[in-house]
Amino acid sequence: MKLAYLELGKVQNTHGVRGELRVEPWCDDVYLFDEIDTVFLNRDGNDPYRIAGWRPHKHLVLLTLEGVGDVDTAACLKGKTLYVRREDIADTLPEGRHFIAEMLGAEVRDADTGAVYGTLTDVFNRGANNVWEIKKGDREYLMPDIPGIVVSVDIEQEVALIRPIKGIFDDAEEVR
């Protein structure tokens, strides 16, 4: 389902005494911050803050927001998730790629038979590629997100079609 606001990252702490924030970015490329003018403190678009500046710092982003000019004000934002309007970053997404937040909850089906494998509950990176976590009932499956396995993802219909490799969804034989 297309979301109006997407999670951008989480404020981990303050940095210095001038209100700079240490943000853990939840995006593939921190230079996405170049495309953004405003962040929000909730997914409803309330509590907007204009970005005054940012810079990469190790695995974090140091972010300066207008109206946050001292460490005490910045400390109030610690632990907050930052959101961005989808329309502000939609053009940065390459063809055939999707925002993870919009994929979560999709029904995962076999591209050839239509069999339902479960629901996509998480996507995480394990180095070479993303890994999908798919749940069905009390079972949990992990599947690599690689060409040949993932056939298509339809955000509007909330369906992902796959051709899984043997063994991912097969019930494990009882070990004797």
C-alpha atoms as a PDB file:
ATOM      1  CA  MET A   1       0.000   0.000   0.000  1.00  0.00           C
ATOM      2  CA  LYS A   2       1.380   3.403  -0.889  1.00  0.00           C
ATOM      3  CA  LEU A   3       2.081   5.472   2.202  1.00  0.00           C
ATOM      4  CA  ALA A   4       1.929   9.263   2.330  1.00  0.00           C
ATOM      5  CA  TYR A   5       4.799   9.408   4.860  1.00  0.00           C
ATOM      6  CA  LEU A   6       7.770   7.045   5.105  1.00  0.00           C
ATOM      7  CA  GLU A   7      10.191   6.444   7.964  1.00  0.00           C
ATOM      8  CA  LEU A   8      13.511   8.156   7.292  1.00  0.00           C
ATOM      9  CA  GLY A   9      15.457   7.335  10.435  1.00  0.00           C
ATOM     10  CA  LYS A  10      15.631   7.597  14.195  1.00  0.00           C
ATOM     11  CA  VAL A  11      17.173  10.296  16.372  1.00  0.00           C
ATOM     12  CA  GLN A  12      19.775   8.469  18.461  1.00  0.00           C
ATOM     13  CA  ASN A  13      21.130  11.388  20.467  1.00  0.00           C
ATOM     14  CA  THR A  14      22.378  14.938  20.327  1.00  0.00           C
ATOM     15  CA  HIS A  15      25.748  15.998  18.912  1.00  0.00           C
ATOM     16  CA  GLY A  16      27.514  18.987  20.434  1.00  0.00           C
ATOM     17  CA  VAL A  17      25.799  21.904  22.128  1.00  0.00           C
ATOM     18  CA  ARG A  18      24.223  23.690  19.130  1.00  0.00           C
ATOM     19  CA  GLY A  19      21.238  21.389  18.639  1.00  0.00           C
ATOM     20  CA  GLU A  20      22.669  18.991  16.084  1.00  0.00           C
ATOM     21  CA  LEU A  21      21.055  15.537  16.075  1.00  0.00           C
ATOM     22  CA  ARG A  22      22.668  12.144  15.595  1.00  0.00           C
ATOM     23  CA  VAL A  23      20.273  10.279  13.276  1.00  0.00           C
ATOM     24  CA  GLU A  24      20.414   6.610  12.318  1.00  0.00           C
ATOM     25  CA  PRO A  25      19.347   6.716   8.642  1.00  0.00           C
ATOM     26  CA  TRP A  26      16.933   4.055   7.426  1.00  0.00           C
ATOM     27  CA  CYS A  27      17.638   4.565   3.740  1.00  0.00           C
ATOM     28  CA  ASP A  28      19.967   2.966   1.209  1.00  0.00           C
ATOM     29  CA  ASP A  29      21.895   6.172   0.574  1.00  0.00           C
ATOM     30  CA  VAL A  30      22.364   9.023   3.069  1.00  0.00           C
ATOM     31  CA  TYR A  31      22.525  11.479   0.183  1.00  0.00           C
ATOM     32  CA  LEU A  32      18.750  11.124   0.040  1.00  0.00           C
ATOM     33  CA  PHE A  33      18.880  13.891   2.674  1.00  0.00           C
ATOM     34  CA  ASP A  34      19.894  16.246  -0.177  1.00  0.00           C
ATOM     35  CA  GLU A  35      16.388  15.795  -1.645  1.00  0.00           C
ATOM     36  CA  ILE A  36      14.508  16.591   1.556  1.00  0.00           C
ATOM     37  CA  ASP A  37      13.508  20.013   2.871  1.00  0.00           C
ATOM     38  CA  THR A  38      11.246  18.952   5.730  1.00  0.00           C
ATOM     39  CA  VAL A  39      11.002  16.043   8.161  1.00  0.00           C
ATOM     40  CA  PHE A  40       8.050  15.169  10.373  1.00  0.00           C
ATOM     41  CA  LEU A  41       7.804  13.642  13.836  1.00  0.00           C
ATOM     42  CA  ASN A  42       4.889  11.387  12.941  1.00  0.00           C
ATOM     43  CA  ARG A  43       3.423   9.586   9.960  1.00  0.00           C
ATOM     44  CA  ASP A  44       0.428  11.914   9.828  1.00  0.00           C
ATOM     45  CA  GLY A  45       2.493  14.873   8.650  1.00  0.00           C
ATOM     46  CA  ASN A  46       2.238  16.751  11.924  1.00  0.00           C
ATOM     47  CA  ASP A  47       5.162  18.404  13.711  1.00  0.00           C
ATOM     48  CA  PRO A  48       7.144  19.490  10.637  1.00  0.00           C
ATOM     49  CA  TYR A  49      10.760  20.641  10.943  1.00  0.00           C
ATOM     50  CA  ARG A  50      12.657  22.254   8.081  1.00  0.00           C
ATOM     51  CA  ILE A  51      16.151  20.893   7.562  1.00  0.00           C
ATOM     52  CA  ALA A  52      18.792  23.583   8.068  1.00  0.00           C
ATOM     53  CA  GLY A  53      21.698  21.271   7.232  1.00  0.00           C
ATOM     54  CA  TRP A  54      23.058  17.763   7.404  1.00  0.00           C
ATOM     55  CA  ARG A  55      26.273  15.820   6.951  1.00  0.00           C
ATOM     56  CA  PRO A  56      27.303  12.178   7.038  1.00  0.00           C
ATOM     57  CA  HIS A  57      29.208  11.089  10.143  1.00  0.00           C
ATOM     58  CA  LYS A  58      30.443   7.488  10.340  1.00  0.00           C
ATOM     59  CA  HIS A  59      27.293   5.360   9.999  1.00  0.00           C
ATOM     60  CA  LEU A  60      25.016   8.228  11.092  1.00  0.00           C
ATOM     61  CA  VAL A  61      23.716  11.530   9.782  1.00  0.00           C
ATOM     62  CA  LEU A  62      24.273  14.724  11.767  1.00  0.00           C
ATOM     63  CA  LEU A  63      21.130  16.749  11.217  1.00  0.00           C
ATOM     64  CA  THR A  64      20.357  20.375  12.027  1.00  0.00           C
ATOM     65  CA  LEU A  65      16.714  21.439  12.127  1.00  0.00           C
ATOM     66  CA  GLU A  66      15.354  24.977  12.092  1.00  0.00           C
ATOM     67  CA  GLY A  67      14.155  25.928  15.567  1.00  0.00           C
ATOM     68  CA  VAL A  68      16.416  23.390  17.268  1.00  0.00           C
ATOM     69  CA  GLY A  69      19.424  25.496  18.229  1.00  0.00           C
ATOM     70  CA  ASP A  70      20.572  24.131  21.566  1.00  0.00           C
ATOM     71  CA  VAL A  71      21.278  20.799  23.210  1.00  0.00           C
ATOM     72  CA  ASP A  72      18.220  20.962  25.504  1.00  0.00           C
ATOM     73  CA  THR A  73      15.771  21.375  22.631  1.00  0.00           C
ATOM     74  CA  ALA A  74      17.586  18.668  20.646  1.00  0.00           C
ATOM     75  CA  ALA A  75      17.460  16.286  23.624  1.00  0.00           C
ATOM     76  CA  CYS A  76      13.645  16.411  23.512  1.00  0.00           C
ATOM     77  CA  LEU A  77      13.817  14.727  20.081  1.00  0.00           C
ATOM     78  CA  LYS A  78      15.955  11.801  21.242  1.00  0.00           C
ATOM     79  CA  GLY A  79      14.315   8.492  20.345  1.00  0.00           C
ATOM     80  CA  LYS A  80      11.904  10.057  17.838  1.00  0.00           C
ATOM     81  CA  THR A  81      11.372   8.523  14.416  1.00  0.00           C
ATOM     82  CA  LEU A  82      11.661  10.987  11.549  1.00  0.00           C
ATOM     83  CA  TYR A  83       9.300  10.768   8.586  1.00  0.00           C
ATOM     84  CA  VAL A  84       9.444  12.214   5.078  1.00  0.00           C
ATOM     85  CA  ARG A  85       6.675  12.850   2.557  1.00  0.00           C
ATOM     86  CA  ARG A  86       6.656  10.098  -0.037  1.00  0.00           C
ATOM     87  CA  GLU A  87       6.161  12.687  -2.786  1.00  0.00           C
ATOM     88  CA  ASP A  88       9.422  14.394  -1.759  1.00  0.00           C
ATOM     89  CA  ILE A  89      11.509  11.291  -2.463  1.00  0.00           C
ATOM     90  CA  ALA A  90       9.456   9.221  -4.922  1.00  0.00           C
ATOM     91  CA  ASP A  91      11.583  10.378  -7.863  1.00  0.00           C
ATOM     92  CA  THR A  92      14.732   9.023  -6.204  1.00  0.00           C
ATOM     93  CA  LEU A  93      13.520   5.423  -6.389  1.00  0.00           C
ATOM     94  CA  PRO A  94      14.975   3.455  -9.336  1.00  0.00           C
ATOM     95  CA  GLU A  95      12.607   1.613 -11.687  1.00  0.00           C
ATOM     96  CA  GLY A  96      11.555  -1.750 -10.276  1.00  0.00           C
ATOM     97  CA  ARG A  97      12.490  -0.846  -6.684  1.00  0.00           C
ATOM     98  CA  HIS A  98      10.047  -0.285  -3.840  1.00  0.00           C
ATOM     99  CA  PHE A  99      10.065   1.332  -0.434  1.00  0.00           C
ATOM    100  CA  ILE A 100      10.293  -1.479   2.130  1.00  0.00           C
ATOM    101  CA  ALA A 101       7.627   0.100   4.349  1.00  0.00           C
ATOM    102  CA  GLU A 102       5.153  -0.144   1.471  1.00  0.00           C
ATOM    103  CA  MET A 103       5.971  -3.811   0.840  1.00  0.00           C
ATOM    104  CA  LEU A 104       5.358  -4.963   4.409  1.00  0.00           C
ATOM    105  CA  GLY A 105       2.063  -6.799   4.781  1.00  0.00           C
ATOM    106  CA  ALA A 106       2.018  -7.973   1.160  1.00  0.00           C
ATOM    107  CA  GLU A 107       0.746 -11.462   0.500  1.00  0.00           C
ATOM    108  CA  VAL A 108       3.567 -13.598  -0.951  1.00  0.00           C
ATOM    109  CA  ARG A 109       2.350 -15.962  -3.682  1.00  0.00           C
ATOM    110  CA  ASP A 110       3.878 -18.438  -6.105  1.00  0.00           C
ATOM    111  CA  ALA A 111       4.115 -16.754  -9.516  1.00  0.00           C
ATOM    112  CA  ASP A 112       3.184 -19.966 -11.349  1.00  0.00           C
ATOM    113  CA  THR A 113       0.640 -21.724  -9.120  1.00  0.00           C
ATOM    114  CA  GLY A 114      -0.793 -18.866  -7.072  1.00  0.00           C
ATOM    115  CA  ALA A 115      -0.106 -20.767  -3.842  1.00  0.00           C
ATOM    116  CA  VAL A 116       0.107 -18.443  -0.836  1.00  0.00           C
ATOM    117  CA  TYR A 117       3.360 -18.713   1.119  1.00  0.00           C
ATOM    118  CA  GLY A 118       2.509 -16.127   3.760  1.00  0.00           C
ATOM    119  CA  THR A 119       2.827 -12.438   4.515  1.00  0.00           C
ATOM    120  CA  LEU A 120       5.938 -10.307   4.109  1.00  0.00           C
ATOM    121  CA  THR A 121       6.700  -9.076   7.643  1.00  0.00           C
ATOM    122  CA  ASP A 122      10.238  -7.679   7.394  1.00  0.00           C
ATOM    123  CA  VAL A 123      13.067  -6.978   4.982  1.00  0.00           C
ATOM    124  CA  PHE A 124      16.651  -6.711   6.155  1.00  0.00           C
ATOM    125  CA  ASN A 125      20.056  -6.589   4.565  1.00  0.00           C
ATOM    126  CA  ARG A 126      22.596  -9.354   5.065  1.00  0.00           C
ATOM    127  CA  GLY A 127      25.393  -8.053   2.891  1.00  0.00           C
ATOM    128  CA  ALA A 128      25.041  -9.175  -0.697  1.00  0.00           C
ATOM    129  CA  ASN A 129      21.263  -8.816  -0.867  1.00  0.00           C
ATOM    130  CA  ASN A 130      18.114  -8.145   1.110  1.00  0.00           C
ATOM    131  CA  VAL A 131      16.374 -11.001   2.878  1.00  0.00           C
ATOM    132  CA  TRP A 132      12.603 -11.245   3.207  1.00  0.00           C
ATOM    133  CA  GLU A 133      10.970 -12.531   6.367  1.00  0.00           C
ATOM    134  CA  ILE A 134       7.711 -14.257   5.468  1.00  0.00           C
ATOM    135  CA  LYS A 135       5.275 -15.525   8.100  1.00  0.00           C
ATOM    136  CA  LYS A 136       2.420 -17.959   7.743  1.00  0.00           C
ATOM    137  CA  GLY A 137       0.712 -18.955  10.947  1.00  0.00           C
ATOM    138  CA  ASP A 138       3.397 -19.771  13.494  1.00  0.00           C
ATOM    139  CA  ARG A 139       5.997 -20.535  10.793  1.00  0.00           C
ATOM    140  CA  GLU A 140       8.636 -18.053   9.713  1.00  0.00           C
ATOM    141  CA  TYR A 141      10.639 -18.283   6.491  1.00  0.00           C
ATOM    142  CA  LEU A 142      13.659 -16.361   5.224  1.00  0.00           C
ATOM    143  CA  MET A 143      14.082 -15.832   1.501  1.00  0.00           C
ATOM    144  CA  PRO A 144      16.733 -13.938  -0.471  1.00  0.00           C
ATOM    145  CA  ASP A 145      15.488 -10.985  -2.500  1.00  0.00           C
ATOM    146  CA  ILE A 146      17.337 -11.745  -5.718  1.00  0.00           C
ATOM    147  CA  PRO A 147      16.412 -11.716  -9.420  1.00  0.00           C
ATOM    148  CA  GLY A 148      14.871 -15.004 -10.485  1.00  0.00           C
ATOM    149  CA  ILE A 149      13.184 -15.528  -7.130  1.00  0.00           C
ATOM    150  CA  VAL A 150      11.260 -12.270  -6.803  1.00  0.00           C
ATOM    151  CA  VAL A 151       9.197 -11.937  -9.967  1.00  0.00           C
ATOM    152  CA  SER A 152       7.151  -8.842  -9.156  1.00  0.00           C
ATOM    153  CA  VAL A 153       5.824  -6.679  -6.341  1.00  0.00           C
ATOM    154  CA  ASP A 154       2.501  -4.883  -6.690  1.00  0.00           C
ATOM    155  CA  ILE A 155       2.242  -2.226  -3.981  1.00  0.00           C
ATOM    156  CA  GLU A 156      -1.341  -1.275  -4.907  1.00  0.00           C
ATOM    157  CA  GLN A 157      -2.629  -4.871  -4.746  1.00  0.00           C
ATOM    158  CA  GLU A 158      -0.319  -5.758  -1.811  1.00  0.00           C
ATOM    159  CA  VAL A 159       0.943  -8.892  -3.559  1.00  0.00           C
ATOM    160  CA  ALA A 160       4.452 -10.192  -4.195  1.00  0.00           C
ATOM    161  CA  LEU A 161       4.944 -12.964  -6.757  1.00  0.00           C
ATOM    162  CA  ILE A 162       7.929 -15.258  -6.333  1.00  0.00           C
ATOM    163  CA  ARG A 163       9.544 -18.421  -7.689  1.00  0.00           C
ATOM    164  CA  PRO A 164      11.250 -19.780  -4.577  1.00  0.00           C
ATOM    165  CA  ILE A 165      14.242 -22.071  -4.646  1.00  0.00           C
ATOM    166  CA  LYS A 166      13.683 -25.580  -3.364  1.00  0.00           C
ATOM    167  CA  GLY A 167      13.801 -25.927   0.388  1.00  0.00           C
ATOM    168  CA  ILE A 168      12.673 -22.480   1.502  1.00  0.00           C
ATOM    169  CA  PHE A 169       9.018 -23.364   2.061  1.00  0.00           C
ATOM    170  CA  ASP A 170       9.273 -27.151   2.154  1.00  0.00           C
ATOM    171  CA  ASP A 171       8.374 -28.571   5.543  1.00  0.00           C
ATOM    172  CA  ALA A 172      11.511 -29.810   7.237  1.00  0.00           C
ATOM    173  CA  GLU A 173      11.726 -33.558   7.590  1.00  0.00           C
ATOM    174  CA  GLU A 174      11.800 -34.792  11.129  1.00  0.00           C
ATOM    175  CA  VAL A 175      15.370 -35.277  12.319  1.00  0.00           C
ATOM    176  CA  ARG A 176      15.992 -38.700  13.834  1.00  0.00           C
END
